[in-house]
Amino acid sequence: MLRTGYRPVGMVMGNCVYHVARQGMGQWFKQVGQNVEMSNYTQALYDARELAMERMQAEAISLRAQGVVGAQINERSHGWGSHVIEFFAVGTAVISISDTHEVPAPSLSLLLND
């Protein structure tokens, strides 16, 4: 990171635990035996992931960071709650060392095992 002109200012994270609404019996009977998307579940996944990333970004903004690198987003379902999903996003907030830095061209590096 230092070679590209950035330095870390802190670790940032965002979390979202979301309850996914169950589909009603009428909807279930209409879809039984069909391979269809459960739109309320898909939308809940998108919303929960987006909220976790927005919260991570808000922490980066509070540190006056210019970006987040090395971000990881993990999804979990919890056994203690049916239809409960959790997204956890974590990364490193970075700022520029100087206004005149240039990002060098990528280079290939290989690790050879003996």
C-alpha atoms as a PDB file:
ATOM      1  CA  MET A   1       0.000   0.000   0.000  1.00  0.00           C
ATOM      2  CA  LEU A   2       2.794   2.403   0.830  1.00  0.00           C
ATOM      3  CA  ARG A   3       4.275   1.953  -2.667  1.00  0.00           C
ATOM      4  CA  THR A   4       0.973   3.043  -4.182  1.00  0.00           C
ATOM      5  CA  GLY A   5       0.820   6.144  -1.982  1.00  0.00           C
ATOM      6  CA  TYR A   6      -1.696   5.089   0.654  1.00  0.00           C
ATOM      7  CA  ARG A   7      -1.459   4.287   4.340  1.00  0.00           C
ATOM      8  CA  PRO A   8      -3.941   2.616   6.695  1.00  0.00           C
ATOM      9  CA  VAL A   9      -5.846   4.743   9.198  1.00  0.00           C
ATOM     10  CA  GLY A  10      -7.940   2.051  10.843  1.00  0.00           C
ATOM     11  CA  MET A  11      -9.971  -1.093  10.642  1.00  0.00           C
ATOM     12  CA  VAL A  12     -13.608  -0.513   9.726  1.00  0.00           C
ATOM     13  CA  MET A  13     -16.575  -2.843   9.924  1.00  0.00           C
ATOM     14  CA  GLY A  14     -20.290  -3.025   9.366  1.00  0.00           C
ATOM     15  CA  ASN A  15     -22.815  -5.578  10.506  1.00  0.00           C
ATOM     16  CA  CYS A  16     -26.439  -6.336   9.720  1.00  0.00           C
ATOM     17  CA  VAL A  17     -28.662  -9.047  11.187  1.00  0.00           C
ATOM     18  CA  TYR A  18     -31.845  -9.395   9.193  1.00  0.00           C
ATOM     19  CA  HIS A  19     -35.035 -11.400   9.656  1.00  0.00           C
ATOM     20  CA  VAL A  20     -36.412 -12.713   6.397  1.00  0.00           C
ATOM     21  CA  ALA A  21     -40.196 -12.820   6.295  1.00  0.00           C
ATOM     22  CA  ARG A  22     -41.757 -16.190   5.635  1.00  0.00           C
ATOM     23  CA  GLN A  23     -43.973 -16.657   2.635  1.00  0.00           C
ATOM     24  CA  GLY A  24     -47.658 -17.210   3.257  1.00  0.00           C
ATOM     25  CA  MET A  25     -49.435 -20.521   2.769  1.00  0.00           C
ATOM     26  CA  GLY A  26     -51.275 -19.231  -0.307  1.00  0.00           C
ATOM     27  CA  GLN A  27     -48.002 -18.251  -1.959  1.00  0.00           C
ATOM     28  CA  TRP A  28     -46.457 -21.583  -0.981  1.00  0.00           C
ATOM     29  CA  PHE A  29     -49.306 -23.569  -2.573  1.00  0.00           C
ATOM     30  CA  LYS A  30     -48.983 -21.559  -5.811  1.00  0.00           C
ATOM     31  CA  GLN A  31     -45.277 -22.385  -6.041  1.00  0.00           C
ATOM     32  CA  VAL A  32     -45.214 -25.991  -4.813  1.00  0.00           C
ATOM     33  CA  GLY A  33     -43.379 -28.209  -7.302  1.00  0.00           C
ATOM     34  CA  GLN A  34     -41.993 -25.223  -9.210  1.00  0.00           C
ATOM     35  CA  ASN A  35     -38.449 -23.962  -9.370  1.00  0.00           C
ATOM     36  CA  VAL A  36     -39.059 -20.251  -8.689  1.00  0.00           C
ATOM     37  CA  GLU A  37     -37.128 -17.508  -6.977  1.00  0.00           C
ATOM     38  CA  MET A  38     -38.291 -16.498  -3.504  1.00  0.00           C
ATOM     39  CA  SER A  39     -38.223 -12.768  -4.184  1.00  0.00           C
ATOM     40  CA  ASN A  40     -38.686 -11.647  -0.553  1.00  0.00           C
ATOM     41  CA  TYR A  41     -35.684 -13.773   0.498  1.00  0.00           C
ATOM     42  CA  THR A  42     -33.515 -12.505  -2.377  1.00  0.00           C
ATOM     43  CA  GLN A  43     -34.405  -8.878  -1.615  1.00  0.00           C
ATOM     44  CA  ALA A  44     -33.632  -9.403   2.088  1.00  0.00           C
ATOM     45  CA  LEU A  45     -30.180 -10.774   1.186  1.00  0.00           C
ATOM     46  CA  TYR A  46     -29.461  -7.744  -0.996  1.00  0.00           C
ATOM     47  CA  ASP A  47     -30.717  -5.289   1.639  1.00  0.00           C
ATOM     48  CA  ALA A  48     -28.767  -6.885   4.504  1.00  0.00           C
ATOM     49  CA  ARG A  49     -25.511  -7.005   2.517  1.00  0.00           C
ATOM     50  CA  GLU A  50     -25.932  -3.398   1.398  1.00  0.00           C
ATOM     51  CA  LEU A  51     -26.610  -2.200   4.963  1.00  0.00           C
ATOM     52  CA  ALA A  52     -23.489  -3.957   6.260  1.00  0.00           C
ATOM     53  CA  MET A  53     -21.342  -2.336   3.545  1.00  0.00           C
ATOM     54  CA  GLU A  54     -22.932   1.096   4.121  1.00  0.00           C
ATOM     55  CA  ARG A  55     -22.134   0.844   7.837  1.00  0.00           C
ATOM     56  CA  MET A  56     -18.521  -0.088   7.044  1.00  0.00           C
ATOM     57  CA  GLN A  57     -18.320   2.874   4.668  1.00  0.00           C
ATOM     58  CA  ALA A  58     -19.758   5.204   7.340  1.00  0.00           C
ATOM     59  CA  GLU A  59     -16.976   4.160   9.727  1.00  0.00           C
ATOM     60  CA  ALA A  60     -14.410   4.879   6.997  1.00  0.00           C
ATOM     61  CA  ILE A  61     -15.927   8.322   6.401  1.00  0.00           C
ATOM     62  CA  SER A  62     -15.760   9.067  10.128  1.00  0.00           C
ATOM     63  CA  LEU A  63     -11.994   8.361   9.933  1.00  0.00           C
ATOM     64  CA  ARG A  64     -11.792  10.690   6.892  1.00  0.00           C
ATOM     65  CA  ALA A  65     -10.542   7.784   4.811  1.00  0.00           C
ATOM     66  CA  GLN A  66     -10.417   7.942   1.045  1.00  0.00           C
ATOM     67  CA  GLY A  67     -11.228   4.292   0.557  1.00  0.00           C
ATOM     68  CA  VAL A  68     -11.408   0.790   1.996  1.00  0.00           C
ATOM     69  CA  VAL A  69      -9.076  -2.027   0.922  1.00  0.00           C
ATOM     70  CA  GLY A  70      -9.007  -5.727   1.714  1.00  0.00           C
ATOM     71  CA  ALA A  71     -12.740  -5.813   2.389  1.00  0.00           C
ATOM     72  CA  GLN A  72     -14.272  -9.152   3.318  1.00  0.00           C
ATOM     73  CA  ILE A  73     -17.990  -9.813   3.539  1.00  0.00           C
ATOM     74  CA  ASN A  74     -19.196 -12.888   5.411  1.00  0.00           C
ATOM     75  CA  GLU A  75     -22.729 -14.247   5.455  1.00  0.00           C
ATOM     76  CA  ARG A  76     -24.104 -16.483   8.217  1.00  0.00           C
ATOM     77  CA  SER A  77     -27.408 -18.042   9.099  1.00  0.00           C
ATOM     78  CA  HIS A  78     -28.143 -18.461  12.783  1.00  0.00           C
ATOM     79  CA  GLY A  79     -29.545 -21.622  14.289  1.00  0.00           C
ATOM     80  CA  TRP A  80     -31.214 -19.703  17.117  1.00  0.00           C
ATOM     81  CA  GLY A  81     -33.494 -17.875  14.731  1.00  0.00           C
ATOM     82  CA  SER A  82     -35.265 -19.331  11.772  1.00  0.00           C
ATOM     83  CA  HIS A  83     -34.897 -17.124   8.687  1.00  0.00           C
ATOM     84  CA  VAL A  84     -32.248 -14.918  10.334  1.00  0.00           C
ATOM     85  CA  ILE A  85     -29.203 -13.950   8.275  1.00  0.00           C
ATOM     86  CA  GLU A  86     -26.164 -11.883   9.202  1.00  0.00           C
ATOM     87  CA  PHE A  87     -23.713 -10.018   7.004  1.00  0.00           C
ATOM     88  CA  PHE A  88     -20.410  -8.855   8.490  1.00  0.00           C
ATOM     89  CA  ALA A  89     -18.158  -6.571   6.438  1.00  0.00           C
ATOM     90  CA  VAL A  90     -14.623  -5.669   7.535  1.00  0.00           C
ATOM     91  CA  GLY A  91     -11.777  -3.856   5.803  1.00  0.00           C
ATOM     92  CA  THR A  92      -8.901  -1.404   6.174  1.00  0.00           C
ATOM     93  CA  ALA A  93      -9.584   2.312   5.763  1.00  0.00           C
ATOM     94  CA  VAL A  94      -6.814   4.139   3.886  1.00  0.00           C
ATOM     95  CA  ILE A  95      -5.760   7.702   3.107  1.00  0.00           C
ATOM     96  CA  SER A  96      -3.348   9.148   0.580  1.00  0.00           C
ATOM     97  CA  ILE A  97       0.207   9.904   1.738  1.00  0.00           C
ATOM     98  CA  SER A  98       0.595  12.766  -0.737  1.00  0.00           C
ATOM     99  CA  ASP A  99      -1.324  14.456  -3.519  1.00  0.00           C
ATOM    100  CA  THR A 100       1.343  13.631  -6.126  1.00  0.00           C
ATOM    101  CA  HIS A 101       1.540   9.845  -5.793  1.00  0.00           C
ATOM    102  CA  GLU A 102       1.260   7.534  -8.796  1.00  0.00           C
ATOM    103  CA  VAL A 103       0.139   3.931  -8.732  1.00  0.00           C
ATOM    104  CA  PRO A 104       2.869   1.717 -10.275  1.00  0.00           C
ATOM    105  CA  ALA A 105       2.012  -0.855 -12.928  1.00  0.00           C
ATOM    106  CA  PRO A 106       1.246  -4.301 -11.489  1.00  0.00           C
ATOM    107  CA  SER A 107       4.038  -6.859 -11.613  1.00  0.00           C
ATOM    108  CA  LEU A 108       3.929 -10.635 -11.498  1.00  0.00           C
ATOM    109  CA  SER A 109       5.409 -12.379  -8.485  1.00  0.00           C
ATOM    110  CA  LEU A 110       5.548 -16.132  -7.980  1.00  0.00           C
ATOM    111  CA  LEU A 111       6.297 -18.169  -4.883  1.00  0.00           C
ATOM    112  CA  LEU A 112       8.252 -21.302  -5.732  1.00  0.00           C
ATOM    113  CA  ASN A 113       8.246 -24.233  -3.335  1.00  0.00           C
ATOM    114  CA  ASP A 114      11.357 -26.415  -3.167  1.00  0.00           C
END
